[in-house]
Protein backbone atom coordinates (compact mmCIF):
# COMPACT_ATOMS: atom_id res chain seq x y z
CA MET A 1 127.41 70.81 94.03
CA ASN A 2 124.15 68.31 93.47
CA SER A 3 122.49 65.90 95.58
CA ALA A 4 119.91 63.44 95.26
CA PHE A 5 116.74 62.22 97.09
CA ASP A 6 113.44 60.19 96.74
CA VAL A 7 111.40 62.53 98.48
CA VAL A 8 112.21 67.15 98.55
CA VAL A 9 109.84 68.78 101.07
CA VAL A 10 110.41 72.88 100.62
CA GLY A 11 109.04 74.34 103.43
CA ALA A 12 109.63 73.30 107.33
CA GLY A 13 106.44 74.61 108.91
CA PRO A 14 103.98 71.67 110.55
CA GLY A 15 102.80 70.14 107.54
CA GLY A 16 106.31 70.09 105.86
CA ILE A 17 107.03 68.80 109.28
CA ALA A 18 104.90 65.66 108.96
CA ALA A 19 105.26 65.26 105.04
CA ALA A 20 108.88 64.72 105.82
CA ALA A 21 108.77 62.60 108.65
CA VAL A 22 106.17 60.09 107.43
CA ALA A 23 107.96 59.48 104.16
CA ALA A 24 111.36 59.25 106.42
CA GLU A 25 109.74 56.95 108.62
CA ALA A 26 108.70 54.69 105.16
CA GLY A 27 112.42 54.66 104.10
CA ALA A 28 112.71 56.57 101.52
CA ARG A 29 115.35 59.09 101.22
CA VAL A 30 113.95 62.56 102.18
CA CYS A 31 115.30 66.59 102.46
CA LEU A 32 113.23 68.65 104.17
CA LEU A 33 114.77 72.08 103.36
CA ASP A 34 113.54 75.72 104.81
CA ASP A 35 115.15 79.27 104.50
CA ASN A 36 114.77 80.17 108.12
CA GLY A 37 117.11 78.77 110.89
CA GLN A 38 115.29 75.34 112.46
CA PRO A 39 112.07 73.80 111.78
CA GLY A 40 109.09 75.36 112.80
CA GLY A 41 107.46 77.55 110.30
CA GLN A 42 105.72 80.73 111.54
CA ILE A 43 103.39 78.64 113.97
CA TRP A 44 106.17 77.03 115.78
CA ARG A 45 108.58 79.55 115.30
CA GLY A 46 111.44 80.19 118.10
CA TYR A 47 110.20 76.71 120.23
CA ARG A 48 111.95 74.78 121.60
CA SER A 49 111.37 71.45 123.63
CA GLU A 50 111.60 72.16 127.17
CA THR A 51 109.35 75.77 126.93
CA ALA A 52 107.05 74.31 124.01
CA PRO A 53 104.27 72.82 126.36
CA LYS A 54 103.73 76.29 127.53
CA TYR A 55 102.31 77.75 124.24
CA PRO A 56 99.55 76.88 122.03
CA HIS A 57 100.10 73.95 119.64
CA GLY A 58 102.88 73.45 121.88
CA ARG A 59 102.59 69.14 122.23
CA GLU A 60 102.06 69.08 118.07
CA PHE A 61 105.46 70.61 117.70
CA LEU A 62 106.91 68.16 120.21
CA LYS A 63 105.31 65.17 118.78
CA TRP A 64 106.41 66.19 115.23
CA THR A 65 109.66 67.35 115.65
CA SER A 66 110.52 64.21 118.08
CA ARG A 67 108.96 62.05 115.25
CA LEU A 68 110.84 63.91 112.30
CA HIS A 69 114.01 63.58 114.51
CA ARG A 70 114.18 60.02 114.97
CA THR A 71 114.34 59.41 111.18
CA ASP A 72 116.81 59.62 109.03
CA CYS A 73 115.60 63.07 107.26
CA ASP A 74 118.34 65.14 106.16
CA ILE A 75 117.17 68.70 107.38
CA TRP A 76 118.30 71.89 105.32
CA SER A 77 118.01 75.11 107.28
CA GLY A 78 118.61 78.56 105.47
CA TRP A 79 117.90 77.26 102.05
CA ARG A 80 115.66 78.67 99.30
CA ALA A 81 114.36 77.05 96.08
CA THR A 82 114.83 80.00 93.80
CA ASP A 83 114.60 77.96 90.14
CA GLN A 84 113.83 74.47 88.06
CA PRO A 85 117.22 74.15 85.89
CA ALA A 86 115.55 70.75 84.78
CA ALA A 87 113.23 68.06 85.51
CA HIS A 88 112.71 66.92 88.92
CA CYS A 89 115.68 69.28 90.04
CA LEU A 90 115.20 72.48 91.86
CA ARG A 91 118.26 75.21 92.44
CA LEU A 92 118.41 76.22 96.04
CA GLU A 93 120.15 78.72 97.38
CA SER A 94 121.71 79.80 100.81
CA ASP A 95 123.87 83.42 101.87
CA GLU A 96 127.18 81.38 101.02
CA GLU A 97 126.54 78.75 98.37
CA THR A 98 124.69 77.61 95.53
CA ARG A 99 123.20 73.75 95.04
CA ASP A 100 121.25 72.09 92.87
CA ILE A 101 118.81 69.02 94.48
CA GLN A 102 117.16 66.22 92.60
CA PHE A 103 114.04 64.31 93.71
CA ARG A 104 111.71 61.76 92.41
CA SER A 105 108.75 63.42 94.68
CA LEU A 106 108.50 66.99 95.66
CA VAL A 107 106.16 68.20 98.40
CA VAL A 108 105.48 72.05 98.28
CA ALA A 109 104.72 73.54 101.77
CA THR A 110 105.60 76.81 101.02
CA GLY A 111 103.13 78.49 103.34
CA ALA A 112 101.44 82.19 103.33
CA ARG A 113 101.74 85.60 103.97
CA GLU A 114 99.75 88.04 105.66
CA ARG A 115 97.84 90.49 103.28
CA PHE A 116 98.63 94.35 103.44
CA LEU A 117 95.99 96.87 102.14
CA PRO A 118 97.70 100.76 102.02
CA PHE A 119 96.00 103.49 103.71
CA PRO A 120 97.77 106.71 104.75
CA GLY A 121 100.43 105.90 107.43
CA TRP A 122 100.86 102.48 107.01
CA THR A 123 104.17 102.82 105.91
CA LEU A 124 105.39 104.89 109.47
CA PRO A 125 107.81 102.86 111.68
CA GLY A 126 105.65 101.19 114.60
CA VAL A 127 102.88 100.33 111.62
CA THR A 128 103.70 96.37 111.09
CA GLY A 129 101.89 92.95 109.68
CA ALA A 130 99.91 91.26 112.92
CA GLY A 131 101.90 88.07 112.02
CA GLY A 132 105.01 90.25 111.75
CA LEU A 133 105.31 92.04 115.06
CA GLN A 134 103.95 88.08 116.48
CA ALA A 135 107.06 86.99 114.44
CA LEU A 136 109.41 90.36 116.13
CA VAL A 137 108.13 89.28 119.69
CA LYS A 138 108.93 85.87 119.39
CA SER A 139 112.91 86.43 118.23
CA GLY A 140 113.20 88.54 121.07
CA LEU A 141 111.35 91.94 120.84
CA ASP A 142 109.91 93.45 124.04
CA PRO A 143 106.41 94.42 124.09
CA ARG A 144 106.09 95.47 127.62
CA GLY A 145 104.35 98.19 128.28
CA LYS A 146 103.90 99.40 124.87
CA ARG A 147 100.37 100.34 123.70
CA VAL A 148 98.65 98.55 120.67
CA VAL A 149 95.93 97.89 118.08
CA VAL A 150 95.34 94.87 116.51
CA ALA A 151 93.19 95.57 113.31
CA GLY A 152 92.90 93.85 109.89
CA THR A 153 91.14 90.77 109.50
CA GLY A 154 91.02 87.02 110.02
CA PRO A 155 90.99 84.46 113.24
CA LEU A 156 94.94 85.35 113.67
CA LEU A 157 93.85 88.71 115.26
CA LEU A 158 92.63 87.28 118.59
CA ALA A 159 95.56 84.52 118.48
CA ILE A 160 97.97 87.31 118.19
CA ALA A 161 96.56 90.12 120.41
CA ALA A 162 96.50 87.28 123.00
CA GLY A 163 100.43 86.46 122.20
CA LEU A 164 100.96 90.17 122.48
CA ALA A 165 99.16 90.50 126.11
CA GLY A 166 100.65 87.35 127.53
CA ALA A 167 104.02 88.96 126.82
CA GLY A 168 103.24 92.39 128.17
CA ALA A 169 101.69 94.45 125.67
CA GLU A 170 98.60 97.01 126.23
CA ILE A 171 96.15 96.21 124.14
CA LEU A 172 94.07 99.15 123.36
CA GLY A 173 91.44 97.03 121.11
CA ILE A 174 91.00 94.98 118.72
CA TYR A 175 89.14 95.84 115.30
CA GLU A 176 87.76 93.18 112.48
CA GLN A 177 86.57 94.56 109.71
CA ALA A 178 84.13 91.59 108.83
CA PRO A 179 80.54 92.61 110.15
CA ARG A 180 79.20 90.48 113.24
CA SER A 181 76.65 88.74 111.46
CA ARG A 182 78.86 86.83 108.85
CA LEU A 183 81.39 85.66 112.12
CA LEU A 184 78.38 84.82 114.28
CA THR A 185 77.32 82.64 110.96
CA PHE A 186 80.76 81.45 110.50
CA GLY A 187 80.62 80.49 114.09
CA LEU A 188 77.44 78.55 114.11
CA SER A 189 78.82 76.68 111.15
CA LEU A 190 81.93 74.71 113.50
CA ALA A 191 79.86 72.25 115.30
CA ALA A 192 81.65 69.82 113.37
CA LEU A 193 85.41 71.68 114.69
CA PRO A 194 84.59 72.47 118.27
CA GLN A 195 88.33 72.46 118.80
CA LYS A 196 88.21 75.42 116.59
CA LEU A 197 85.66 76.95 118.86
CA ILE A 198 87.53 76.60 122.14
CA GLU A 199 90.74 77.42 120.72
CA GLY A 200 89.11 81.04 120.06
CA ALA A 201 87.66 80.76 122.99
CA GLY A 202 90.77 80.71 124.94
CA TYR A 203 92.32 83.58 122.95
CA ARG A 204 89.48 85.67 123.97
CA ARG A 205 89.63 85.16 127.73
CA LYS A 206 93.19 86.41 127.18
CA THR A 207 92.29 89.16 125.87
CA LEU A 208 89.60 90.48 127.73
CA ARG A 209 90.59 93.97 128.68
CA ALA A 210 90.42 94.89 125.33
CA PRO A 211 87.28 95.66 123.35
CA TYR A 212 87.13 93.47 120.11
CA ARG A 213 84.89 94.84 117.53
CA THR A 214 83.83 93.48 114.57
CA ASN A 215 82.51 95.82 111.34
CA CYS A 216 85.79 98.75 111.98
CA TRP A 217 88.79 99.58 109.97
CA ILE A 218 91.86 101.74 110.32
CA THR A 219 91.57 104.17 108.14
CA ARG A 220 94.85 106.15 108.77
CA ALA A 221 97.98 106.02 111.18
CA GLU A 222 99.69 109.25 111.84
CA GLY A 223 103.22 110.61 113.72
CA SER A 224 105.98 112.80 112.58
CA THR A 225 108.75 110.10 112.74
CA ARG A 226 107.12 107.04 113.79
CA LEU A 227 103.44 106.02 114.87
CA GLU A 228 101.57 108.61 117.33
CA SER A 229 98.12 107.45 116.59
CA VAL A 230 95.92 105.40 114.08
CA THR A 231 92.08 106.63 113.60
CA VAL A 232 89.23 103.47 113.50
CA THR A 233 85.75 103.90 111.87
CA ASN A 234 83.02 101.91 111.98
CA GLY A 235 81.48 103.20 108.73
CA ARG A 236 79.50 105.54 110.82
CA ARG A 237 81.85 106.88 112.70
CA GLN A 238 85.66 107.73 113.57
CA TRP A 239 87.54 108.00 116.68
CA THR A 240 91.47 108.09 117.63
CA LEU A 241 93.54 106.45 119.61
CA ALA A 242 97.17 106.80 121.04
CA CYS A 243 99.22 104.11 120.21
CA GLU A 244 102.99 102.86 119.55
CA TRP A 245 102.05 100.05 117.81
CA LEU A 246 99.89 98.88 115.33
CA ALA A 247 99.59 95.03 114.26
CA CYS A 248 97.62 94.93 111.20
CA GLY A 249 96.84 92.40 108.38
CA PHE A 250 93.87 91.24 106.12
CA HIS A 251 93.97 87.78 106.67
CA LEU A 252 96.30 85.58 104.00
CA VAL A 253 97.48 84.72 100.79
CA PRO A 254 99.13 81.81 99.94
CA ASN A 255 103.13 81.58 99.00
CA LEU A 256 102.27 80.51 95.35
CA GLU A 257 105.67 81.62 93.90
CA LEU A 258 107.15 78.21 93.55
CA PRO A 259 103.67 75.87 92.55
CA ARG A 260 103.69 78.77 89.77
CA LEU A 261 107.44 78.26 88.47
CA LEU A 262 106.38 74.70 88.61
CA GLY A 263 103.80 75.11 86.67
CA CYS A 264 101.01 73.62 89.07
CA ARG A 265 97.62 74.66 88.09
CA ILE A 266 95.69 77.81 90.33
CA ALA A 267 92.20 78.07 90.75
CA ASP A 268 90.05 80.97 92.75
CA GLY A 269 93.81 81.87 94.57
CA TYR A 270 94.94 78.18 95.31
CA VAL A 271 96.91 75.62 94.13
CA SER A 272 94.25 72.56 92.46
CA VAL A 273 95.34 69.13 93.92
CA ASP A 274 93.38 65.68 94.10
CA ALA A 275 92.58 63.59 96.43
CA LEU A 276 96.23 62.86 97.83
CA GLN A 277 97.04 66.50 97.68
CA GLN A 278 98.71 65.79 94.08
CA SER A 279 99.07 68.89 91.87
CA SER A 280 98.46 69.07 88.28
CA ILE A 281 102.46 68.23 87.16
CA ALA A 282 103.31 64.62 88.17
CA ALA A 283 105.20 63.87 91.35
CA VAL A 284 104.90 67.51 92.73
CA ALA A 285 102.18 67.60 95.66
CA CYS A 286 101.30 71.09 97.55
CA ILE A 287 99.83 71.03 100.96
CA GLY A 288 98.76 73.49 103.59
CA GLU A 289 97.97 77.08 102.64
CA LEU A 290 98.79 76.19 99.06
CA THR A 291 95.83 74.60 98.49
CA GLY A 292 93.23 76.59 101.44
CA ILE A 293 93.76 78.56 104.35
CA GLY A 294 92.94 76.13 107.03
CA GLY A 295 95.53 76.36 109.49
CA MET A 296 97.47 73.86 111.69
CA ASP A 297 95.65 70.80 111.69
CA LYS A 298 95.10 70.73 107.76
CA ALA A 299 98.18 71.46 107.25
CA LEU A 300 99.41 68.12 109.28
CA LEU A 301 96.79 66.25 107.85
CA GLU A 302 97.72 66.78 104.22
CA GLY A 303 101.35 66.61 104.72
CA GLN A 304 100.85 63.16 106.07
CA ILE A 305 99.08 62.32 102.88
CA ALA A 306 101.50 63.81 100.84
CA GLY A 307 104.43 61.99 102.43
CA LEU A 308 102.64 58.97 102.35
CA ALA A 309 101.78 59.23 98.75
CA ALA A 310 105.10 60.13 97.50
CA VAL A 311 106.38 56.76 98.57
CA GLY A 312 103.76 54.86 97.04
CA ARG A 313 101.54 54.08 100.29
CA GLN A 314 98.40 54.88 98.43
CA SER A 315 95.89 53.06 101.02
CA ALA A 316 97.56 54.29 103.64
CA ALA A 317 96.85 58.13 102.16
CA ASP A 318 93.46 56.98 101.04
CA ALA A 319 92.44 56.13 104.81
CA LEU A 320 94.01 59.72 105.88
CA ALA A 321 92.14 61.67 103.03
CA SER A 322 88.30 61.32 103.76
CA ARG A 323 89.17 63.12 107.21
CA LEU A 324 90.37 66.39 105.43
CA ILE A 325 86.34 66.57 104.05
CA PRO A 326 85.33 69.08 107.14
CA MET A 327 89.11 71.19 107.34
CA GLN A 328 88.41 71.90 103.82
CA ARG A 329 85.02 73.01 104.34
CA PHE A 330 86.58 75.07 107.22
CA ALA A 331 88.74 76.90 104.68
CA ARG A 332 86.31 77.60 102.26
CA LYS A 333 84.17 79.34 105.18
CA LEU A 334 86.81 80.87 106.43
CA ASP A 335 87.41 82.80 103.46
CA ARG A 336 83.57 83.78 102.81
CA ALA A 337 83.68 84.61 106.68
CA PHE A 338 87.07 86.93 106.47
CA ALA A 339 86.14 88.51 103.33
CA LEU A 340 87.36 92.21 102.31
CA ARG A 341 84.73 94.78 102.45
CA ASP A 342 84.61 97.19 99.34
CA GLU A 343 85.29 100.28 102.31
CA LEU A 344 88.62 98.97 102.43
CA LYS A 345 89.16 99.89 98.50
CA THR A 346 89.23 103.58 98.92
CA LEU A 347 91.48 103.83 101.88
CA ALA A 348 94.45 104.94 99.77
CA ALA A 349 94.95 108.68 99.05
CA PRO A 350 96.84 109.75 95.81
CA ASP A 351 100.10 109.88 97.30
CA THR A 352 99.70 106.82 99.45
CA VAL A 353 102.66 104.11 98.45
CA VAL A 354 101.39 101.09 96.98
CA CYS A 355 104.66 99.41 96.24
CA ARG A 356 107.15 100.06 98.88
CA CYS A 357 109.88 98.88 97.29
CA GLU A 358 109.85 101.07 93.91
CA ASP A 359 108.14 104.12 95.84
CA THR A 360 104.94 103.53 93.59
CA ASP A 361 102.24 105.67 94.98
CA TYR A 362 98.36 105.09 94.25
CA SER A 363 97.86 107.91 91.97
CA GLU A 364 100.27 106.26 89.46
CA LEU A 365 98.37 102.86 89.78
CA MET A 366 95.00 104.32 89.10
CA GLU A 367 96.61 105.45 85.17
CA CYS A 368 97.51 101.26 84.47
CA SER A 369 95.14 98.80 83.52
CA SER A 370 96.98 95.99 84.52
CA TRP A 371 99.29 94.16 86.85
CA ARG A 372 101.73 93.79 83.44
CA GLU A 373 101.08 97.86 82.20
CA ALA A 374 101.84 98.51 85.88
CA LYS A 375 104.96 97.29 86.12
CA LEU A 376 106.19 98.57 82.90
CA HIS A 377 105.03 102.06 83.40
CA THR A 378 105.62 102.25 87.17
CA ARG A 379 107.93 99.08 88.22
CA CYS A 380 105.73 98.22 90.76
CA GLY A 381 106.34 94.97 91.59
CA MET A 382 109.80 95.08 90.35
CA GLY A 383 111.41 95.53 93.82
CA ALA A 384 113.36 93.24 96.21
CA CYS A 385 110.22 91.66 97.42
CA GLN A 386 109.09 90.70 93.30
CA GLY A 387 105.51 91.81 93.99
CA ARG A 388 104.59 90.04 97.49
CA VAL A 389 103.13 92.74 98.77
CA CYS A 390 102.13 94.92 96.23
CA GLY A 391 100.58 92.50 94.29
CA ALA A 392 98.20 90.96 96.48
CA ALA A 393 97.20 94.45 97.57
CA THR A 394 96.62 95.62 93.39
CA GLU A 395 94.45 92.22 93.09
CA PHE A 396 91.96 93.23 95.71
CA LEU A 397 91.70 97.32 94.81
CA PHE A 398 92.10 97.05 90.88
CA GLY A 399 91.21 92.95 90.08
CA TRP A 400 94.54 93.15 88.38
CA GLN A 401 95.48 89.26 87.73
CA HIS A 402 98.89 88.45 87.92
CA SER A 403 101.17 87.28 85.00
CA GLY A 404 103.09 83.59 85.44
CA VAL A 405 106.54 84.00 87.88
CA ARG A 406 109.96 84.00 86.01
CA PRO A 407 112.81 82.62 87.73
CA PRO A 408 114.69 83.19 90.08
CA VAL A 409 111.54 83.69 92.23
CA PHE A 410 113.84 85.13 95.40
CA PRO A 411 116.20 87.76 94.42
CA SER A 412 119.25 85.46 94.05
CA SER A 413 123.20 86.16 93.25
CA VAL A 414 124.65 86.75 89.58
CA SER A 415 126.13 83.16 90.73
CA THR A 416 123.07 81.52 91.58
CA VAL A 417 121.01 82.89 88.08
CA ALA A 418 124.13 82.10 85.99
CA ALA A 419 125.22 78.46 86.83
CA LYS A 420 124.78 75.73 84.81
CA ALA A 421 122.28 72.70 85.84
CA ASP A 422 124.79 70.34 87.72
CA LEU A 423 123.08 66.81 87.65
CA PRO A 424 123.90 63.13 87.54
CA ASP A 425 122.49 60.92 84.64
CA ALA A 426 119.72 59.45 86.68
CA ILE A 427 118.29 60.19 89.67
CA PRO A 428 119.22 56.97 92.35
CA LEU A 429 116.70 54.72 93.89
CA SER A 430 116.10 54.35 97.43
């Protein structure tokens, strides 16, 4: 089955919603697709109109989802983009169906995922990503009475700890690997974005009972059948905390699989775009975390710029572009402030699993000299997640540069891979 639109937006987080809304408001035929059950992405996951005002960024959620639903935008939930069978065309797959979709302009807003680093015990039940635990709680997991350690790096640690504490968890500590001096420098540099400081202070107020320690990181997690304790260090001494859950994530890495498949130029770990969010591939824009980890405000503004540019409203897009400059600076400062320390490269023991899909341990990877050699000799990165977890880890641990992405970019059914492109003669104009 084939469908054709003027603008297709892949990813229904804040940036994708903004892009779809402004493009549809301009009269274009727009499709917004996402593999989740409803729009919102990670930041607005589980939000509902009647309860959203009680949660962080709830007003923005109501504003943008209301704008979206007032348009004629087609919203396709539960769909993944897996391939590009022809120019201006994506192959999509849901749980039950394969479909090709054509576009005149494409906006890619696939967001980011957590970076995980291996350490002894990181595969124990009870050890999750920080954002992963947040998502589970938003989906109904009850954290009341659970002792939780939050660790890793990045500004989301405080936000996640605040959310868990608000849901009834006992936060034993928040451990940030970045040194205090770097974080102070980062905080002082945010004079142009005071709202960021206010937001961070609000999260800290909600977690005052839990110690917040910089220059600290997890060295191991222990337990017989599930997590029972974690060991923390500041480089000089170690201490152990008994807990049920460890929420541990090392900032974010962008989901570059689809941009790479499309041929977009990648530089310094992000998609290269111009002032109107256009990538190196004609008619393909990339927004949000794909162009720099900068949060919701940056994604919303980039979404509007890309959506307006996609429907030919360049003057309106140009008017917004200048407002991006401080947000782009913020994203660069964020990367510098939360850069990973070298000590984290030495946490894994020889028998520590690095690739969980293929049970590849650290000692096996030490014998390899590149990502390609590791895949050929150990199958690292060739399992169900296709390197989404171990890829970022080995890039940090060994400095390996990853090769290009081959379709399908997500595990797909044989019928999806084998299907012929079902295309009309031309993309209809709006």
